[in-house]
Amino acid sequence: MEARFPISWAEDWDRIGLQLGNPEQQVERIGISLEATPRSVSWAVQNDLHLMICHHPLFFQPVDSLKSNQEPGRTALQLAKAEIALLAAHTNLDASPDGVSTALSLRLGLINLVPLEKRIHDLVKLVVFVPSGYEEKMTQVLDDAEAGQIGSYRLCTFKARGEGTFIPQAGSHPFMGEIGRIERVSEWRLEVLTRRVHIDDLVEKIRQVHPYEDMAYDVYPVEHPSDDVGLGRVGYFDPAISWETLIHRLKKEVEAPSVRVSGPIPETIQKAAVCGGSGSKMILEAMSTGAQVFICGEIGYHPTVSLQGQALTLVEIGHYPSEKWVIPVLARALREANQAEDWGIDVLEDMQPGDPYMRYF
């Protein structure tokens, strides 16, 4: 989970990770659900799960008591009694390139997706110094680790030649040079961008092939926005679709029991913005992209009123229908990891049709 949906992608205010259970507990059966509720926990118990992975945290606000007759105590105690651990992946799953908003966008048929709000602290620059003749080995390691991805280009690096100096001291085992004498070496300064979450693994892989006993390297934070990590998504319909087709897809492909609309009704739609769950804080970002419609779970009354007279059409489909399509995405990621790592686990999906928490009359 940390490798695929790192905690560093989450908002600072979020509460994610293992919220209940023993970190050393062995797990063989895992269930994916949007949230832990009495209904979903009963499903977990019936299926003999050892771990539930949920999008919404069970513990979000500070808790000073757990009472069995009210939430979150009722659900937490039900999980504890069944010895089912609980892990939450919330805004880190929202921001993921294949997260909540991407899953909804793909159900609608949108292409060329980019985040509405890009992450600016997701990347770091690694600088490593290598003696001449070893730069190609370092470059191969970077390529194998998928470092240096910029847009549609891979292995984007920069090299500069210089001179490195060092004096080996007693107890050292230098790659070149003699104890007590200064050594001057022709070296390459090799620079590459990589994700912050991958930097430790990348440094270790480079260290394994670097010839020096003590490798010299630097890691710098950068302000570059990530191309694919961030909240919400905006994309295109190709070809453009009619308003009637959009409503049909929302009801059939997304299983929205109801569609609420505010603003002008476009005849055809080419560009659309999407945000799974609550979208009120991303209205301005959606407008700035030139999107014709903004589709999300819910927005709220006052943001809707404040947008009157603008060209952007707001489309609300309900929180659950807008987010549940990430469940099979997350399940597929775990199944792929299970096959690659031979974990021997089963992954189940708690997918409810329509919206199990709302009734429409």
Protein backbone atom coordinates (compact mmCIF):
# COMPACT_ATOMS: atom_id res chain seq x y z
CA MET A 1 0.00 0.00 0.00
CA GLU A 2 2.80 2.42 0.87
CA ALA A 3 4.62 1.66 -2.38
CA ARG A 4 1.52 2.13 -4.55
CA PHE A 5 -0.36 4.83 -2.57
CA PRO A 6 2.29 6.50 -0.35
CA ILE A 7 1.28 8.39 2.78
CA SER A 8 3.24 11.41 1.49
CA TRP A 9 0.46 11.94 -1.07
CA ALA A 10 -2.11 12.55 1.69
CA GLU A 11 -3.22 15.95 2.94
CA ASP A 12 -1.64 17.14 6.20
CA TRP A 13 -4.98 17.06 8.02
CA ASP A 14 -5.83 13.51 7.01
CA ARG A 15 -5.91 10.41 9.26
CA ILE A 16 -4.72 7.39 7.32
CA GLY A 17 -2.75 4.18 7.68
CA LEU A 18 -3.39 1.34 10.12
CA GLN A 19 -6.16 2.57 12.44
CA LEU A 20 -7.01 -0.64 14.23
CA GLY A 21 -5.24 -3.95 14.76
CA ASN A 22 -1.83 -5.52 15.34
CA PRO A 23 0.82 -4.49 12.76
CA GLU A 24 2.40 -7.96 13.10
CA GLN A 25 -0.86 -9.81 12.46
CA GLN A 26 -0.72 -12.33 9.60
CA VAL A 27 -3.33 -11.69 6.90
CA GLU A 28 -4.66 -14.07 4.27
CA ARG A 29 -8.07 -12.58 3.42
CA ILE A 30 -8.40 -8.86 2.69
CA GLY A 31 -11.56 -6.92 1.92
CA ILE A 32 -11.84 -3.56 0.14
CA SER A 33 -14.73 -1.30 1.13
CA LEU A 34 -15.41 2.40 0.86
CA GLU A 35 -15.89 2.74 4.61
CA ALA A 36 -16.21 0.69 7.78
CA THR A 37 -19.88 0.67 8.84
CA PRO A 38 -22.00 -1.91 10.67
CA ARG A 39 -23.12 -3.25 7.28
CA SER A 40 -19.63 -3.50 5.75
CA VAL A 41 -18.12 -4.94 8.94
CA SER A 42 -20.84 -7.61 9.00
CA TRP A 43 -19.81 -8.41 5.42
CA ALA A 44 -16.18 -8.66 6.59
CA VAL A 45 -17.10 -11.00 9.45
CA GLN A 46 -19.19 -13.24 7.18
CA ASN A 47 -16.23 -13.55 4.79
CA ASP A 48 -13.68 -14.30 7.55
CA LEU A 49 -11.51 -11.32 6.68
CA HIS A 50 -8.29 -10.51 8.54
CA LEU A 51 -7.99 -6.97 7.20
CA MET A 52 -10.32 -4.29 5.85
CA ILE A 53 -8.89 -1.56 3.64
CA CYS A 54 -11.23 1.43 3.47
CA HIS A 55 -11.13 4.76 1.68
CA HIS A 56 -12.76 6.71 4.50
CA PRO A 57 -11.02 6.68 7.91
CA LEU A 58 -12.98 5.30 10.84
CA PHE A 59 -11.17 7.63 13.25
CA PHE A 60 -11.08 11.11 11.78
CA GLN A 61 -11.71 13.38 14.76
CA PRO A 62 -10.04 12.88 18.18
CA VAL A 63 -11.77 10.12 20.18
CA ASP A 64 -11.95 10.09 23.99
CA SER A 65 -14.22 7.06 24.37
CA LEU A 66 -15.44 3.98 22.48
CA LYS A 67 -19.07 3.18 23.25
CA SER A 68 -20.83 0.21 21.71
CA ASN A 69 -24.08 2.12 21.21
CA GLN A 70 -22.68 4.89 19.01
CA GLU A 71 -20.08 5.48 16.31
CA PRO A 72 -17.18 5.09 15.92
CA GLY A 73 -17.11 2.84 18.99
CA ARG A 74 -19.79 0.45 17.71
CA THR A 75 -17.89 -0.32 14.50
CA ALA A 76 -14.44 -0.29 16.12
CA LEU A 77 -15.47 -2.77 18.80
CA GLN A 78 -17.17 -4.98 16.22
CA LEU A 79 -13.90 -5.10 14.27
CA ALA A 80 -11.81 -5.71 17.37
CA LYS A 81 -14.07 -8.53 18.54
CA ALA A 82 -13.65 -10.26 15.17
CA GLU A 83 -9.88 -9.52 15.17
CA ILE A 84 -10.17 -7.69 11.86
CA ALA A 85 -7.57 -4.98 11.30
CA LEU A 86 -8.48 -1.71 9.59
CA LEU A 87 -6.30 0.32 7.22
CA ALA A 88 -7.43 3.67 5.74
CA ALA A 89 -6.25 5.09 2.40
CA HIS A 90 -8.01 8.43 2.03
CA THR A 91 -6.53 11.52 0.36
CA ASN A 92 -3.45 9.54 -0.69
CA LEU A 93 -5.84 7.39 -2.72
CA ASP A 94 -7.59 10.54 -3.97
CA ALA A 95 -4.29 11.96 -5.24
CA SER A 96 -3.02 8.74 -6.81
CA PRO A 97 -2.61 8.67 -10.61
CA ASP A 98 -5.01 5.70 -10.65
CA GLY A 99 -7.07 6.81 -7.66
CA VAL A 100 -10.65 7.86 -6.96
CA SER A 101 -11.16 10.62 -9.54
CA THR A 102 -9.30 8.70 -12.24
CA ALA A 103 -11.51 5.66 -11.67
CA LEU A 104 -14.63 7.80 -12.04
CA SER A 105 -13.23 9.56 -15.12
CA LEU A 106 -12.50 6.26 -16.85
CA ARG A 107 -16.04 5.02 -16.15
CA LEU A 108 -17.28 8.09 -18.01
CA GLY A 109 -14.92 7.58 -20.94
CA LEU A 110 -12.65 10.59 -20.41
CA ILE A 111 -9.11 10.53 -21.85
CA ASN A 112 -5.88 12.56 -21.50
CA LEU A 113 -6.41 12.95 -17.76
CA VAL A 114 -4.40 15.40 -15.64
CA PRO A 115 -4.93 16.45 -12.00
CA LEU A 116 -7.05 19.46 -11.20
CA GLU A 117 -4.76 20.30 -8.29
CA LYS A 118 -1.21 19.03 -8.75
CA ARG A 119 1.13 18.03 -5.93
CA ILE A 120 4.18 20.32 -5.62
CA HIS A 121 6.18 18.40 -3.01
CA ASP A 122 6.09 14.95 -4.56
CA LEU A 123 9.46 15.12 -6.33
CA VAL A 124 13.09 15.36 -5.24
CA LYS A 125 16.32 15.72 -7.21
CA LEU A 126 19.05 13.17 -6.64
CA VAL A 127 22.64 14.19 -7.41
CA VAL A 128 25.26 11.45 -7.34
CA PHE A 129 29.00 11.72 -8.08
CA VAL A 130 30.62 8.82 -9.95
CA PRO A 131 34.13 8.28 -11.37
CA SER A 132 34.50 8.39 -15.15
CA GLY A 133 33.72 5.03 -16.68
CA TYR A 134 30.90 4.19 -14.24
CA GLU A 135 28.30 6.69 -15.40
CA GLU A 136 26.62 4.22 -17.75
CA LYS A 137 26.14 1.70 -14.93
CA MET A 138 24.51 4.43 -12.84
CA THR A 139 22.29 5.43 -15.76
CA GLN A 140 21.11 1.84 -16.19
CA VAL A 141 20.17 1.64 -12.50
CA LEU A 142 18.18 4.88 -12.84
CA ASP A 143 16.35 3.54 -15.89
CA ASP A 144 15.55 0.23 -14.19
CA ALA A 145 14.16 2.15 -11.20
CA GLU A 146 12.03 4.35 -13.53
CA ALA A 147 13.74 7.51 -12.25
CA GLY A 148 13.87 10.58 -14.46
CA GLN A 149 10.29 10.43 -15.75
CA ILE A 150 9.24 13.84 -17.12
CA GLY A 151 5.95 13.80 -19.01
CA SER A 152 6.17 11.28 -21.84
CA TYR A 153 9.95 11.01 -21.55
CA ARG A 154 11.94 8.57 -19.44
CA LEU A 155 15.51 8.66 -18.10
CA CYS A 156 15.77 12.45 -18.19
CA THR A 157 19.17 13.19 -16.62
CA PHE A 158 21.89 15.82 -16.65
CA LYS A 159 25.64 15.15 -16.48
CA ALA A 160 28.53 17.55 -15.81
CA ARG A 161 32.20 16.62 -15.63
CA GLY A 162 34.39 17.80 -12.78
CA GLU A 163 37.17 16.83 -10.39
CA GLY A 164 36.64 15.15 -7.07
CA THR A 165 39.24 15.06 -4.28
CA PHE A 166 39.65 12.95 -1.16
CA ILE A 167 42.32 11.74 1.25
CA PRO A 168 41.90 8.13 2.39
CA GLN A 169 42.44 7.79 6.14
CA ALA A 170 43.59 4.88 8.28
CA GLY A 171 41.00 2.10 8.30
CA SER A 172 39.54 3.02 4.91
CA HIS A 173 39.54 0.77 1.85
CA PRO A 174 39.63 3.23 -1.04
CA PHE A 175 38.60 2.28 -4.56
CA MET A 176 41.68 4.21 -5.69
CA GLY A 177 44.46 6.21 -4.03
CA GLU A 178 46.73 5.66 -1.03
CA ILE A 179 46.25 6.21 2.68
CA GLY A 180 47.22 9.73 3.69
CA ARG A 181 47.67 11.10 0.17
CA ILE A 182 45.26 13.41 -1.66
CA GLU A 183 43.63 11.82 -4.67
CA ARG A 184 42.17 13.74 -7.60
CA VAL A 185 39.59 11.91 -9.69
CA SER A 186 37.77 12.77 -12.90
CA GLU A 187 34.09 12.42 -11.95
CA TRP A 188 30.63 12.96 -13.36
CA ARG A 189 27.91 14.83 -11.51
CA LEU A 190 24.72 12.97 -12.44
CA GLU A 191 21.31 14.59 -11.70
CA VAL A 192 17.84 13.06 -11.92
CA LEU A 193 14.31 13.71 -10.66
CA THR A 194 12.45 10.98 -8.79
CA ARG A 195 9.48 10.63 -6.48
CA ARG A 196 10.20 11.44 -2.84
CA VAL A 197 8.69 8.13 -1.75
CA HIS A 198 11.18 6.19 -3.92
CA ILE A 199 14.38 8.01 -2.94
CA ASP A 200 15.59 5.63 -0.22
CA ASP A 201 15.22 2.56 -2.44
CA LEU A 202 16.86 4.34 -5.36
CA VAL A 203 19.89 5.42 -3.30
CA GLU A 204 20.34 1.86 -2.05
CA LYS A 205 20.20 0.43 -5.58
CA ILE A 206 22.84 2.93 -6.74
CA ARG A 207 25.01 2.17 -3.72
CA GLN A 208 25.11 -1.51 -4.68
CA VAL A 209 26.89 -0.75 -7.99
CA HIS A 210 28.80 2.41 -7.01
CA PRO A 211 32.55 1.70 -6.77
CA TYR A 212 33.31 4.00 -3.83
CA GLU A 213 33.38 2.72 -0.26
CA ASP A 214 31.45 5.83 0.84
CA MET A 215 29.23 7.15 -1.94
CA ALA A 216 28.81 10.92 -2.26
CA TYR A 217 25.30 12.07 -3.14
CA ASP A 218 22.81 14.88 -2.44
CA VAL A 219 19.00 14.96 -2.29
CA TYR A 220 17.23 18.27 -2.91
CA PRO A 221 13.53 19.07 -2.47
CA VAL A 222 12.04 20.67 -5.60
CA GLU A 223 8.90 22.68 -6.22
CA HIS A 224 8.02 21.08 -9.55
CA PRO A 225 4.35 20.03 -9.64
CA SER A 226 3.84 16.37 -10.36
CA ASP A 227 2.40 15.51 -13.78
CA ASP A 228 0.07 12.80 -12.49
CA VAL A 229 -0.28 13.07 -8.69
CA GLY A 230 -2.94 15.39 -7.31
CA LEU A 231 -6.62 15.85 -6.51
CA GLY A 232 -9.42 15.68 -9.07
CA ARG A 233 -9.00 15.10 -12.79
CA VAL A 234 -9.80 16.94 -16.00
CA GLY A 235 -10.00 15.26 -19.39
CA TYR A 236 -11.68 15.10 -22.77
CA PHE A 237 -14.43 13.19 -24.51
CA ASP A 238 -13.25 12.18 -27.97
CA PRO A 239 -15.45 12.60 -29.83
CA ALA A 240 -17.53 15.12 -27.90
CA ILE A 241 -20.73 13.72 -26.38
CA SER A 242 -24.21 15.12 -26.00
CA TRP A 243 -25.74 16.14 -22.69
CA GLU A 244 -28.17 13.21 -22.94
CA THR A 245 -25.24 10.79 -23.39
CA LEU A 246 -23.52 12.17 -20.28
CA ILE A 247 -26.64 11.68 -18.16
CA HIS A 248 -27.05 8.16 -19.57
CA ARG A 249 -23.46 7.26 -18.67
CA LEU A 250 -23.81 8.68 -15.17
CA LYS A 251 -26.87 6.57 -14.51
CA LYS A 252 -25.76 3.38 -16.29
CA GLU A 253 -21.94 3.26 -16.04
CA VAL A 254 -21.56 5.10 -12.73
CA GLU A 255 -24.84 3.80 -11.24
CA ALA A 256 -25.88 7.21 -9.93
CA PRO A 257 -29.46 6.88 -8.63
CA SER A 258 -29.96 10.62 -9.04
CA VAL A 259 -28.23 13.44 -10.90
CA ARG A 260 -28.53 17.03 -9.63
CA VAL A 261 -27.52 19.81 -12.00
CA SER A 262 -26.94 23.54 -11.56
CA GLY A 263 -26.02 25.97 -14.32
CA PRO A 264 -26.38 26.00 -18.10
CA ILE A 265 -27.02 22.77 -19.99
CA PRO A 266 -24.47 22.38 -22.81
CA GLU A 267 -25.60 20.71 -26.02
CA THR A 268 -22.28 18.88 -26.41
CA ILE A 269 -19.44 18.30 -23.98
CA GLN A 270 -15.79 18.08 -24.98
CA LYS A 271 -13.94 18.86 -21.73
CA ALA A 272 -15.01 17.77 -18.23
CA ALA A 273 -13.61 18.09 -14.72
CA VAL A 274 -14.18 15.33 -12.18
CA CYS A 275 -13.74 15.01 -8.42
CA GLY A 276 -14.78 11.93 -6.47
CA GLY A 277 -16.54 12.85 -3.22
CA SER A 278 -16.90 16.46 -2.11
CA GLY A 279 -15.96 18.94 -4.83
CA SER A 280 -16.83 22.35 -3.39
CA LYS A 281 -13.19 23.34 -2.78
CA MET A 282 -12.17 22.57 -6.35
CA ILE A 283 -14.75 24.62 -8.27
CA LEU A 284 -12.28 27.39 -9.09
CA GLU A 285 -9.71 24.87 -10.33
CA ALA A 286 -12.37 23.29 -12.53
CA MET A 287 -13.35 26.68 -13.95
CA SER A 288 -9.72 27.60 -14.66
CA THR A 289 -9.29 24.55 -16.91
CA GLY A 290 -12.05 25.64 -19.28
CA ALA A 291 -14.11 22.55 -18.50
CA GLN A 292 -17.75 22.75 -19.49
CA VAL A 293 -19.00 20.53 -16.66
CA PHE A 294 -17.74 19.66 -13.18
CA ILE A 295 -18.89 16.22 -11.98
CA CYS A 296 -18.51 15.26 -8.32
CA GLY A 297 -20.24 13.56 -5.41
CA GLU A 298 -21.68 16.68 -3.84
CA ILE A 299 -20.98 20.40 -3.65
CA GLY A 300 -23.31 22.05 -1.17
CA TYR A 301 -25.81 24.87 -1.32
CA HIS A 302 -23.70 28.01 -0.83
CA PRO A 303 -20.94 27.12 -3.35
CA THR A 304 -23.69 26.27 -5.83
CA VAL A 305 -25.46 29.61 -5.31
CA SER A 306 -22.20 31.56 -5.59
CA LEU A 307 -21.56 30.06 -9.04
CA GLN A 308 -24.80 31.26 -10.58
CA GLY A 309 -24.20 33.14 -13.84
CA GLN A 310 -20.96 31.29 -14.61
CA ALA A 311 -20.45 29.05 -17.64
CA LEU A 312 -19.47 25.95 -15.63
CA THR A 313 -22.21 23.36 -15.14
CA LEU A 314 -22.19 21.59 -11.76
CA VAL A 315 -23.24 17.93 -11.70
CA GLU A 316 -23.76 16.11 -8.38
CA ILE A 317 -24.17 12.32 -8.41
CA GLY A 318 -23.83 11.37 -4.73
CA HIS A 319 -20.74 10.64 -2.65
CA TYR A 320 -20.84 6.84 -2.77
CA PRO A 321 -21.41 6.46 -6.54
CA SER A 322 -18.63 8.95 -7.25
CA GLU A 323 -16.02 7.06 -5.20
CA LYS A 324 -16.88 3.37 -5.20
CA TRP A 325 -15.17 2.71 -8.56
CA VAL A 326 -11.79 2.90 -6.86
CA ILE A 327 -12.59 -0.34 -5.01
CA PRO A 328 -11.83 -2.63 -7.99
CA VAL A 329 -8.76 -0.52 -8.80
CA LEU A 330 -7.35 -1.04 -5.32
CA ALA A 331 -8.29 -4.72 -5.37
CA ARG A 332 -6.55 -5.18 -8.72
CA ALA A 333 -3.38 -3.50 -7.39
CA LEU A 334 -3.28 -5.90 -4.44
CA ARG A 335 -3.94 -8.93 -6.63
CA GLU A 336 -1.09 -7.92 -8.94
CA ALA A 337 1.24 -7.53 -5.96
CA ASN A 338 0.02 -10.87 -4.58
CA GLN A 339 0.89 -12.60 -7.85
CA ALA A 340 4.29 -10.90 -8.11
CA GLU A 341 5.29 -11.45 -4.47
CA ASP A 342 3.51 -14.80 -3.94
CA TRP A 343 1.82 -13.61 -0.73
CA GLY A 344 -0.95 -16.19 -0.84
CA ILE A 345 -3.77 -13.76 -0.05
CA ASP A 346 -7.38 -13.47 -1.21
CA VAL A 347 -8.80 -10.03 -2.01
CA LEU A 348 -12.57 -9.43 -1.86
CA GLU A 349 -14.54 -6.38 -3.03
CA ASP A 350 -17.45 -4.82 -1.18
CA MET A 351 -19.23 -3.18 -4.12
CA GLN A 352 -22.80 -2.10 -3.45
CA PRO A 353 -25.10 -1.21 -6.36
CA GLY A 354 -26.33 2.37 -6.56
CA ASP A 355 -26.05 4.17 -3.23
CA PRO A 356 -26.64 1.93 -0.18
CA TYR A 357 -26.88 4.88 2.21
CA MET A 358 -29.52 6.97 0.43
CA ARG A 359 -33.12 6.40 -0.65
CA TYR A 360 -34.77 8.47 -3.34
CA PHE A 361 -38.54 8.91 -3.41
